[in-house]
Amino acid sequence: MHITVTIDDTEHTVADIPGDESLLHLLRDRVGHTATKNACEQGECGSCTVYLDEDTVCSCLVAAGQADGRRIRTAAGLATPALDPVQQAFLTAGAVQCGFCTPGLIVQTHALLAATPQPTDAEIRIGLAGNLCRCTGYEKILDAVRLAPRESTAL
């Protein structure tokens, strides 16, 4: 199978994709977007969360062929030309430890704040429920999400 996909505003044509290859492996192994992390490959941890068109998905659960003709945006793609306010908030709040969960959390937080610019703590917890972090007690992550809306209004 051959597909053409736009990843972070750059079009890629990829050949010889097996029917069972995931979008995650397309991103990491075929295109070199290693910022999208591979952890559970079962859609349980959220480390591989990306935008597929306008929706967030666990890229490990999406067949690469489903991305043909579509737009993918990764956490790295949000930092164009400068850090996105969500990324800056994660840095400011100290919500980045090992960094493995961070790309997925950044994308999911970005989507949450696009839908709910000033979420309550309960809305934050629900919005990030599919993203696991093994290093923190989540408080710094919550701090970052609370900080991001204030930073984004300052732009």
C-alpha atoms as a PDB file:
ATOM      1  CA  MET A   1       0.000   0.000   0.000  1.00  0.00           C
ATOM      2  CA  HIS A   2       1.153   3.553  -0.777  1.00  0.00           C
ATOM      3  CA  ILE A   3      -0.186   6.526   1.135  1.00  0.00           C
ATOM      4  CA  THR A   4       0.254  10.272   1.179  1.00  0.00           C
ATOM      5  CA  VAL A   5      -0.136  12.006   4.500  1.00  0.00           C
ATOM      6  CA  THR A   6       0.579  15.515   5.771  1.00  0.00           C
ATOM      7  CA  ILE A   7       2.501  15.433   9.033  1.00  0.00           C
ATOM      8  CA  ASP A   8       3.086  18.742  10.797  1.00  0.00           C
ATOM      9  CA  ASP A   9       2.462  20.649   7.538  1.00  0.00           C
ATOM     10  CA  THR A  10       4.862  18.512   5.476  1.00  0.00           C
ATOM     11  CA  GLU A  11       3.500  16.073   2.914  1.00  0.00           C
ATOM     12  CA  HIS A  12       4.975  12.564   2.905  1.00  0.00           C
ATOM     13  CA  THR A  13       4.374   9.750   0.443  1.00  0.00           C
ATOM     14  CA  VAL A  14       5.202   6.375   1.936  1.00  0.00           C
ATOM     15  CA  ALA A  15       5.353   3.133  -0.042  1.00  0.00           C
ATOM     16  CA  ASP A  16       5.051  -0.547   0.766  1.00  0.00           C
ATOM     17  CA  ILE A  17       3.062  -0.215   3.972  1.00  0.00           C
ATOM     18  CA  PRO A  18       1.741  -3.525   5.282  1.00  0.00           C
ATOM     19  CA  GLY A  19      -2.001  -3.540   5.992  1.00  0.00           C
ATOM     20  CA  ASP A  20      -1.425  -4.137   9.705  1.00  0.00           C
ATOM     21  CA  GLU A  21       1.042  -1.267  10.252  1.00  0.00           C
ATOM     22  CA  SER A  22      -0.086   1.379  12.743  1.00  0.00           C
ATOM     23  CA  LEU A  23       0.036   5.121  12.329  1.00  0.00           C
ATOM     24  CA  LEU A  24       2.472   5.149  15.259  1.00  0.00           C
ATOM     25  CA  HIS A  25       4.966   2.995  13.344  1.00  0.00           C
ATOM     26  CA  LEU A  26       4.448   5.062  10.209  1.00  0.00           C
ATOM     27  CA  LEU A  27       5.309   8.200  12.193  1.00  0.00           C
ATOM     28  CA  ARG A  28       8.295   6.781  14.075  1.00  0.00           C
ATOM     29  CA  ASP A  29       9.827   4.174  11.785  1.00  0.00           C
ATOM     30  CA  ARG A  30       9.020   5.369   8.290  1.00  0.00           C
ATOM     31  CA  VAL A  31       8.952   9.159   8.630  1.00  0.00           C
ATOM     32  CA  GLY A  32      11.256   9.668  11.628  1.00  0.00           C
ATOM     33  CA  HIS A  33       8.871  11.539  13.943  1.00  0.00           C
ATOM     34  CA  THR A  34      10.238   9.960  17.099  1.00  0.00           C
ATOM     35  CA  ALA A  35       8.799  12.623  19.397  1.00  0.00           C
ATOM     36  CA  THR A  36       5.564  10.617  19.252  1.00  0.00           C
ATOM     37  CA  LYS A  37       6.248   7.948  21.847  1.00  0.00           C
ATOM     38  CA  ASN A  38       5.655   4.212  21.707  1.00  0.00           C
ATOM     39  CA  ALA A  39       4.745   2.761  25.074  1.00  0.00           C
ATOM     40  CA  CYS A  40       1.861   0.317  25.428  1.00  0.00           C
ATOM     41  CA  GLU A  41       0.702  -0.175  21.802  1.00  0.00           C
ATOM     42  CA  GLN A  42      -2.767  -0.886  23.222  1.00  0.00           C
ATOM     43  CA  GLY A  43      -4.287   2.593  23.474  1.00  0.00           C
ATOM     44  CA  GLU A  44      -4.055   2.566  27.254  1.00  0.00           C
ATOM     45  CA  CYS A  45      -1.351   5.133  28.041  1.00  0.00           C
ATOM     46  CA  GLY A  46      -1.838   8.043  25.609  1.00  0.00           C
ATOM     47  CA  SER A  47       1.882   8.536  24.933  1.00  0.00           C
ATOM     48  CA  CYS A  48       1.277   8.285  21.190  1.00  0.00           C
ATOM     49  CA  THR A  49      -1.622  10.758  21.042  1.00  0.00           C
ATOM     50  CA  VAL A  50      -1.688  12.899  17.892  1.00  0.00           C
ATOM     51  CA  TYR A  51      -4.262  14.895  15.996  1.00  0.00           C
ATOM     52  CA  LEU A  52      -5.749  13.038  13.041  1.00  0.00           C
ATOM     53  CA  ASP A  53      -7.364  15.899  11.176  1.00  0.00           C
ATOM     54  CA  GLU A  54      -9.206  17.667  14.039  1.00  0.00           C
ATOM     55  CA  ASP A  55      -9.535  14.736  16.468  1.00  0.00           C
ATOM     56  CA  THR A  56      -7.026  13.301  18.908  1.00  0.00           C
ATOM     57  CA  VAL A  57      -6.266   9.602  18.559  1.00  0.00           C
ATOM     58  CA  CYS A  58      -3.885   7.050  19.995  1.00  0.00           C
ATOM     59  CA  SER A  59      -1.769   6.511  16.908  1.00  0.00           C
ATOM     60  CA  CYS A  60      -1.020   2.944  17.978  1.00  0.00           C
ATOM     61  CA  LEU A  61      -4.700   2.073  17.394  1.00  0.00           C
ATOM     62  CA  VAL A  62      -5.039   3.658  13.947  1.00  0.00           C
ATOM     63  CA  ALA A  63      -4.036   1.709  10.859  1.00  0.00           C
ATOM     64  CA  ALA A  64      -1.524   3.648   8.774  1.00  0.00           C
ATOM     65  CA  GLY A  65      -3.763   3.252   5.728  1.00  0.00           C
ATOM     66  CA  GLN A  66      -6.516   5.190   7.501  1.00  0.00           C
ATOM     67  CA  ALA A  67      -4.268   8.258   7.435  1.00  0.00           C
ATOM     68  CA  ASP A  68      -4.080   8.353   3.615  1.00  0.00           C
ATOM     69  CA  GLY A  69      -4.922  11.864   2.445  1.00  0.00           C
ATOM     70  CA  ARG A  70      -5.297  13.154   5.984  1.00  0.00           C
ATOM     71  CA  ARG A  71      -3.487  15.642   8.202  1.00  0.00           C
ATOM     72  CA  ILE A  72      -1.515  14.567  11.275  1.00  0.00           C
ATOM     73  CA  ARG A  73      -0.321  17.042  13.869  1.00  0.00           C
ATOM     74  CA  THR A  74       2.096  15.941  16.573  1.00  0.00           C
ATOM     75  CA  ALA A  75       3.293  17.729  19.693  1.00  0.00           C
ATOM     76  CA  ALA A  76       6.366  18.784  17.714  1.00  0.00           C
ATOM     77  CA  GLY A  77       4.096  20.335  15.087  1.00  0.00           C
ATOM     78  CA  LEU A  78       2.426  22.525  17.691  1.00  0.00           C
ATOM     79  CA  ALA A  79       5.765  24.281  18.247  1.00  0.00           C
ATOM     80  CA  THR A  80       5.724  26.199  14.985  1.00  0.00           C
ATOM     81  CA  PRO A  81       7.271  28.754  14.847  1.00  0.00           C
ATOM     82  CA  ALA A  82       7.630  28.990  18.634  1.00  0.00           C
ATOM     83  CA  LEU A  83       6.494  26.907  21.574  1.00  0.00           C
ATOM     84  CA  ASP A  84       2.742  26.565  21.848  1.00  0.00           C
ATOM     85  CA  PRO A  85       1.346  28.076  25.086  1.00  0.00           C
ATOM     86  CA  VAL A  86       0.562  24.541  26.300  1.00  0.00           C
ATOM     87  CA  GLN A  87       4.184  23.494  25.806  1.00  0.00           C
ATOM     88  CA  GLN A  88       5.399  26.624  27.585  1.00  0.00           C
ATOM     89  CA  ALA A  89       3.007  25.990  30.469  1.00  0.00           C
ATOM     90  CA  PHE A  90       4.342  22.441  30.890  1.00  0.00           C
ATOM     91  CA  LEU A  91       7.880  23.836  31.083  1.00  0.00           C
ATOM     92  CA  THR A  92       6.926  26.672  33.425  1.00  0.00           C
ATOM     93  CA  ALA A  93       5.015  24.367  35.786  1.00  0.00           C
ATOM     94  CA  GLY A  94       7.753  21.725  35.818  1.00  0.00           C
ATOM     95  CA  ALA A  95       5.348  19.130  34.385  1.00  0.00           C
ATOM     96  CA  VAL A  96       8.078  17.483  32.300  1.00  0.00           C
ATOM     97  CA  GLN A  97      10.096  14.800  34.028  1.00  0.00           C
ATOM     98  CA  CYS A  98      11.280  11.886  31.916  1.00  0.00           C
ATOM     99  CA  GLY A  99       9.298  13.323  28.994  1.00  0.00           C
ATOM    100  CA  PHE A 100       7.921  10.022  27.755  1.00  0.00           C
ATOM    101  CA  CYS A 101       4.255  10.896  28.341  1.00  0.00           C
ATOM    102  CA  THR A 102       4.722  14.576  27.545  1.00  0.00           C
ATOM    103  CA  PRO A 103       3.998  14.602  23.778  1.00  0.00           C
ATOM    104  CA  GLY A 104       0.674  12.830  24.270  1.00  0.00           C
ATOM    105  CA  LEU A 105      -0.252  15.014  27.228  1.00  0.00           C
ATOM    106  CA  ILE A 106       0.624  18.154  25.263  1.00  0.00           C
ATOM    107  CA  VAL A 107      -1.606  17.164  22.334  1.00  0.00           C
ATOM    108  CA  GLN A 108      -4.481  16.087  24.574  1.00  0.00           C
ATOM    109  CA  THR A 109      -4.200  19.265  26.681  1.00  0.00           C
ATOM    110  CA  HIS A 110      -4.172  21.345  23.494  1.00  0.00           C
ATOM    111  CA  ALA A 111      -7.408  19.655  22.384  1.00  0.00           C
ATOM    112  CA  LEU A 112      -8.971  20.020  25.839  1.00  0.00           C
ATOM    113  CA  LEU A 113      -8.234  23.742  25.965  1.00  0.00           C
ATOM    114  CA  ALA A 114      -9.505  24.272  22.411  1.00  0.00           C
ATOM    115  CA  ALA A 115     -12.849  22.823  23.524  1.00  0.00           C
ATOM    116  CA  THR A 116     -12.857  24.205  27.084  1.00  0.00           C
ATOM    117  CA  PRO A 117     -10.562  27.255  27.486  1.00  0.00           C
ATOM    118  CA  GLN A 118     -10.978  27.494  31.286  1.00  0.00           C
ATOM    119  CA  PRO A 119     -11.587  23.913  32.450  1.00  0.00           C
ATOM    120  CA  THR A 120     -12.396  23.013  36.027  1.00  0.00           C
ATOM    121  CA  ASP A 121     -10.179  20.505  37.796  1.00  0.00           C
ATOM    122  CA  ALA A 122     -12.807  17.821  37.174  1.00  0.00           C
ATOM    123  CA  GLU A 123     -12.864  18.677  33.446  1.00  0.00           C
ATOM    124  CA  ILE A 124      -9.062  18.521  33.320  1.00  0.00           C
ATOM    125  CA  ARG A 125      -9.035  15.072  34.944  1.00  0.00           C
ATOM    126  CA  ILE A 126     -11.701  13.793  32.555  1.00  0.00           C
ATOM    127  CA  GLY A 127     -10.012  15.397  29.540  1.00  0.00           C
ATOM    128  CA  LEU A 128      -6.649  13.790  30.314  1.00  0.00           C
ATOM    129  CA  ALA A 129      -8.005  10.481  31.657  1.00  0.00           C
ATOM    130  CA  GLY A 130      -6.486   8.417  28.839  1.00  0.00           C
ATOM    131  CA  ASN A 131      -2.965   9.772  29.348  1.00  0.00           C
ATOM    132  CA  LEU A 132      -0.796   8.101  31.957  1.00  0.00           C
ATOM    133  CA  CYS A 133       2.354   9.424  33.574  1.00  0.00           C
ATOM    134  CA  ARG A 134       4.606   7.065  35.474  1.00  0.00           C
ATOM    135  CA  CYS A 135       6.895   9.710  37.008  1.00  0.00           C
ATOM    136  CA  THR A 136       4.714  12.393  38.564  1.00  0.00           C
ATOM    137  CA  GLY A 137       1.866  12.558  41.015  1.00  0.00           C
ATOM    138  CA  TYR A 138       0.030  14.515  38.288  1.00  0.00           C
ATOM    139  CA  GLU A 139      -0.074  17.736  40.319  1.00  0.00           C
ATOM    140  CA  LYS A 140       2.494  19.497  38.093  1.00  0.00           C
ATOM    141  CA  ILE A 141       0.556  18.370  35.021  1.00  0.00           C
ATOM    142  CA  LEU A 142      -2.643  19.807  36.472  1.00  0.00           C
ATOM    143  CA  ASP A 143      -0.750  23.014  37.289  1.00  0.00           C
ATOM    144  CA  ALA A 144       0.402  23.229  33.661  1.00  0.00           C
ATOM    145  CA  VAL A 145      -3.127  22.821  32.313  1.00  0.00           C
ATOM    146  CA  ARG A 146      -4.403  25.480  34.719  1.00  0.00           C
ATOM    147  CA  LEU A 147      -1.580  27.817  33.643  1.00  0.00           C
ATOM    148  CA  ALA A 148      -1.916  27.311  29.877  1.00  0.00           C
ATOM    149  CA  PRO A 149      -5.233  29.177  29.401  1.00  0.00           C
ATOM    150  CA  ARG A 150      -3.810  32.251  31.144  1.00  0.00           C
ATOM    151  CA  GLU A 151      -0.686  32.089  28.959  1.00  0.00           C
ATOM    152  CA  SER A 152      -2.680  31.646  25.762  1.00  0.00           C
ATOM    153  CA  THR A 153      -4.823  34.722  26.472  1.00  0.00           C
ATOM    154  CA  ALA A 154      -1.635  36.775  26.838  1.00  0.00           C
ATOM    155  CA  LEU A 155      -0.652  36.121  23.202  1.00  0.00           C
END
